[in-house]
N, C-alpha and C. Protein backbone atom coordinates (compact mmCIF):
# COMPACT_ATOMS: atom_id res chain seq x y z
N MET A 1 117.12 110.87 120.50
CA MET A 1 115.93 111.27 119.78
C MET A 1 114.86 111.79 120.74
N LYS A 2 114.66 111.11 121.87
CA LYS A 2 113.66 111.54 122.84
C LYS A 2 113.98 112.93 123.37
N VAL A 3 115.27 113.21 123.53
CA VAL A 3 115.68 114.52 124.03
C VAL A 3 115.26 115.61 123.05
N LEU A 4 115.41 115.36 121.75
CA LEU A 4 115.02 116.35 120.74
C LEU A 4 113.51 116.58 120.75
N ILE A 5 112.76 115.52 120.91
CA ILE A 5 111.30 115.64 120.95
C ILE A 5 110.87 116.45 122.17
N ILE A 6 111.44 116.15 123.32
CA ILE A 6 111.11 116.89 124.54
C ILE A 6 111.50 118.36 124.40
N LEU A 7 112.66 118.62 123.84
CA LEU A 7 113.12 119.99 123.62
C LEU A 7 112.18 120.74 122.69
N PHE A 8 111.75 120.08 121.62
CA PHE A 8 110.82 120.72 120.68
C PHE A 8 109.53 121.13 121.37
N PHE A 9 108.92 120.21 122.12
CA PHE A 9 107.65 120.53 122.77
C PHE A 9 107.82 121.57 123.88
N THR A 10 108.96 121.57 124.54
CA THR A 10 109.23 122.59 125.55
C THR A 10 109.31 123.96 124.91
N LEU A 11 110.01 124.07 123.80
CA LEU A 11 110.12 125.34 123.09
C LEU A 11 108.76 125.75 122.53
N PHE A 12 107.99 124.79 122.07
CA PHE A 12 106.65 125.08 121.54
C PHE A 12 105.77 125.67 122.64
N GLU A 13 105.79 125.10 123.83
CA GLU A 13 105.00 125.60 124.95
C GLU A 13 105.40 127.02 125.31
N ILE A 14 106.70 127.31 125.30
CA ILE A 14 107.20 128.64 125.65
C ILE A 14 106.75 129.67 124.63
N SER A 15 106.69 129.30 123.35
CA SER A 15 106.40 130.25 122.29
C SER A 15 104.92 130.45 122.03
N GLN A 16 104.04 129.82 122.80
CA GLN A 16 102.61 129.93 122.56
C GLN A 16 102.11 131.34 122.85
N ASN A 17 101.02 131.68 122.20
CA ASN A 17 100.38 132.97 122.39
C ASN A 17 99.85 133.07 123.82
N PRO A 18 100.26 134.08 124.58
CA PRO A 18 99.78 134.20 125.96
C PRO A 18 98.33 134.65 126.06
N GLN A 19 97.71 134.96 124.92
CA GLN A 19 96.33 135.45 124.92
C GLN A 19 95.32 134.31 124.78
N ASN A 20 95.65 133.14 125.29
CA ASN A 20 94.72 132.02 125.25
C ASN A 20 94.84 131.22 126.53
N HIS A 21 93.93 130.30 126.73
CA HIS A 21 93.96 129.49 127.95
C HIS A 21 93.39 128.10 127.66
N ARG A 22 93.71 127.19 128.56
CA ARG A 22 93.21 125.83 128.42
C ARG A 22 91.81 125.72 128.99
N VAL A 23 91.02 124.87 128.37
CA VAL A 23 89.68 124.57 128.86
C VAL A 23 89.65 123.08 129.15
N LYS A 24 89.30 122.72 130.37
CA LYS A 24 89.25 121.31 130.75
C LYS A 24 88.08 120.63 130.05
N GLY A 25 88.23 119.35 129.78
CA GLY A 25 87.14 118.58 129.21
C GLY A 25 86.01 118.42 130.22
N TYR A 26 84.81 118.24 129.72
CA TYR A 26 83.67 118.09 130.60
C TYR A 26 82.55 117.35 129.88
N SER A 27 81.54 116.94 130.65
CA SER A 27 80.37 116.26 130.09
C SER A 27 79.16 117.17 130.22
N LYS A 28 78.40 117.28 129.14
CA LYS A 28 77.18 118.07 129.15
C LYS A 28 76.04 117.26 129.75
N LYS A 29 74.94 117.93 130.08
CA LYS A 29 73.77 117.26 130.67
C LYS A 29 73.21 116.19 129.75
N ASP A 30 73.34 116.42 128.41
CA ASP A 30 72.79 115.44 127.46
C ASP A 30 73.72 114.25 127.23
N GLY A 31 74.85 114.20 127.96
CA GLY A 31 75.79 113.09 127.85
C GLY A 31 76.92 113.31 126.86
N THR A 32 76.90 114.42 126.12
CA THR A 32 77.96 114.74 125.17
C THR A 32 79.23 115.08 125.92
N THR A 33 80.36 114.53 125.47
CA THR A 33 81.64 114.83 126.09
C THR A 33 82.38 115.87 125.26
N VAL A 34 82.87 116.91 125.92
CA VAL A 34 83.66 117.95 125.27
C VAL A 34 85.12 117.70 125.63
N GLN A 35 85.96 117.55 124.62
CA GLN A 35 87.37 117.27 124.84
C GLN A 35 88.09 118.52 125.35
N PRO A 36 89.19 118.35 126.11
CA PRO A 36 89.98 119.52 126.52
C PRO A 36 90.49 120.25 125.28
N HIS A 37 90.57 121.57 125.34
CA HIS A 37 91.01 122.35 124.19
C HIS A 37 91.54 123.71 124.66
N ARG A 38 92.02 124.52 123.74
CA ARG A 38 92.49 125.86 124.04
C ARG A 38 91.53 126.87 123.43
N ARG A 39 91.37 127.99 124.11
CA ARG A 39 90.45 129.03 123.64
C ARG A 39 91.12 130.39 123.83
N THR A 40 90.89 131.31 122.90
CA THR A 40 91.43 132.66 123.04
C THR A 40 90.70 133.37 124.18
N ASN A 41 91.41 134.27 124.84
CA ASN A 41 90.80 135.04 125.92
C ASN A 41 89.75 135.98 125.34
N GLN A 42 88.72 136.25 126.11
CA GLN A 42 87.64 137.12 125.67
C GLN A 42 88.12 138.56 125.58
N ASN A 43 87.73 139.25 124.52
CA ASN A 43 88.02 140.66 124.37
C ASN A 43 86.90 141.29 123.53
N LYS A 44 87.08 142.51 123.08
CA LYS A 44 86.00 143.21 122.38
C LYS A 44 86.05 143.06 120.87
N THR A 45 86.83 142.12 120.36
CA THR A 45 86.90 141.90 118.93
C THR A 45 86.79 140.42 118.60
N GLU A 46 86.35 140.14 117.39
CA GLU A 46 86.28 138.75 116.93
C GLU A 46 87.42 138.46 115.95
N ARG A 47 88.18 139.47 115.59
CA ARG A 47 89.20 139.33 114.55
C ARG A 47 90.38 138.45 114.96
N ASP A 48 90.62 138.29 116.26
CA ASP A 48 91.76 137.49 116.69
C ASP A 48 91.39 136.09 117.18
N ASN A 49 90.14 135.68 117.00
CA ASN A 49 89.72 134.34 117.40
C ASN A 49 90.20 133.31 116.38
N TYR A 50 90.45 132.11 116.83
CA TYR A 50 90.94 131.05 115.95
C TYR A 50 89.94 130.70 114.86
N THR A 51 88.65 130.89 115.11
CA THR A 51 87.64 130.51 114.13
C THR A 51 87.34 131.62 113.13
N SER A 52 87.94 132.80 113.30
CA SER A 52 87.69 133.92 112.38
C SER A 52 88.63 133.87 111.19
N LYS A 53 88.09 134.25 110.01
CA LYS A 53 88.92 134.34 108.80
C LYS A 53 89.89 135.49 108.96
N PRO A 54 91.07 135.50 108.51
CA PRO A 54 91.85 134.46 107.85
C PRO A 54 92.75 133.71 108.82
N ASN A 55 92.43 133.70 110.12
CA ASN A 55 93.28 133.08 111.13
C ASN A 55 93.34 131.56 110.99
N VAL A 56 94.41 131.00 111.54
CA VAL A 56 94.60 129.55 111.57
C VAL A 56 94.87 129.16 113.01
N ASN A 57 94.19 128.14 113.50
CA ASN A 57 94.41 127.65 114.85
C ASN A 57 95.78 126.97 114.90
N PRO A 58 96.72 127.48 115.70
CA PRO A 58 98.06 126.90 115.72
C PRO A 58 98.12 125.52 116.37
N TYR A 59 97.08 125.12 117.09
CA TYR A 59 97.08 123.84 117.77
C TYR A 59 96.48 122.73 116.91
N THR A 60 95.55 123.09 116.02
CA THR A 60 94.91 122.07 115.19
C THR A 60 95.23 122.23 113.71
N GLY A 61 95.67 123.42 113.30
CA GLY A 61 95.96 123.68 111.89
C GLY A 61 94.71 124.02 111.08
N LYS A 62 93.54 124.10 111.73
CA LYS A 62 92.29 124.40 111.03
C LYS A 62 92.21 125.89 110.71
N LYS A 63 91.73 126.20 109.50
CA LYS A 63 91.55 127.58 109.09
C LYS A 63 90.25 128.14 109.66
N GLY A 64 90.27 129.46 109.95
CA GLY A 64 89.07 130.12 110.43
C GLY A 64 87.99 130.13 109.37
N TYR A 65 86.75 130.04 109.76
CA TYR A 65 85.64 129.96 108.82
C TYR A 65 84.60 131.04 109.04
N LYS A 66 84.67 131.80 110.13
CA LYS A 66 83.68 132.82 110.42
C LYS A 66 84.19 134.18 109.93
N THR A 67 83.29 134.99 109.36
CA THR A 67 83.63 136.35 108.98
C THR A 67 83.40 137.23 110.21
N PRO A 68 84.46 137.92 110.68
CA PRO A 68 84.31 138.75 111.89
C PRO A 68 83.32 139.89 111.66
N LYS A 69 82.49 140.17 112.67
CA LYS A 69 81.49 141.23 112.58
C LYS A 69 82.08 142.60 112.86
N ARG A 70 83.09 142.66 113.73
CA ARG A 70 83.68 143.95 114.06
C ARG A 70 85.17 143.89 113.99
């Protein structure tokens, strides 16, 4: 069973969108902690961001809520 789980996550990592990157967790000056997460690479459009409608974040399953401006 462990072998299947490891295989699944290995295949999942390989199939990820290469247009994103990891962001390390950090603490803000006000003491707020930001958890590690993934973010899409910066480009000239908002249409491919995880938070834009109708996109879905593949890591959290959350639907986009922002209407893209361009």
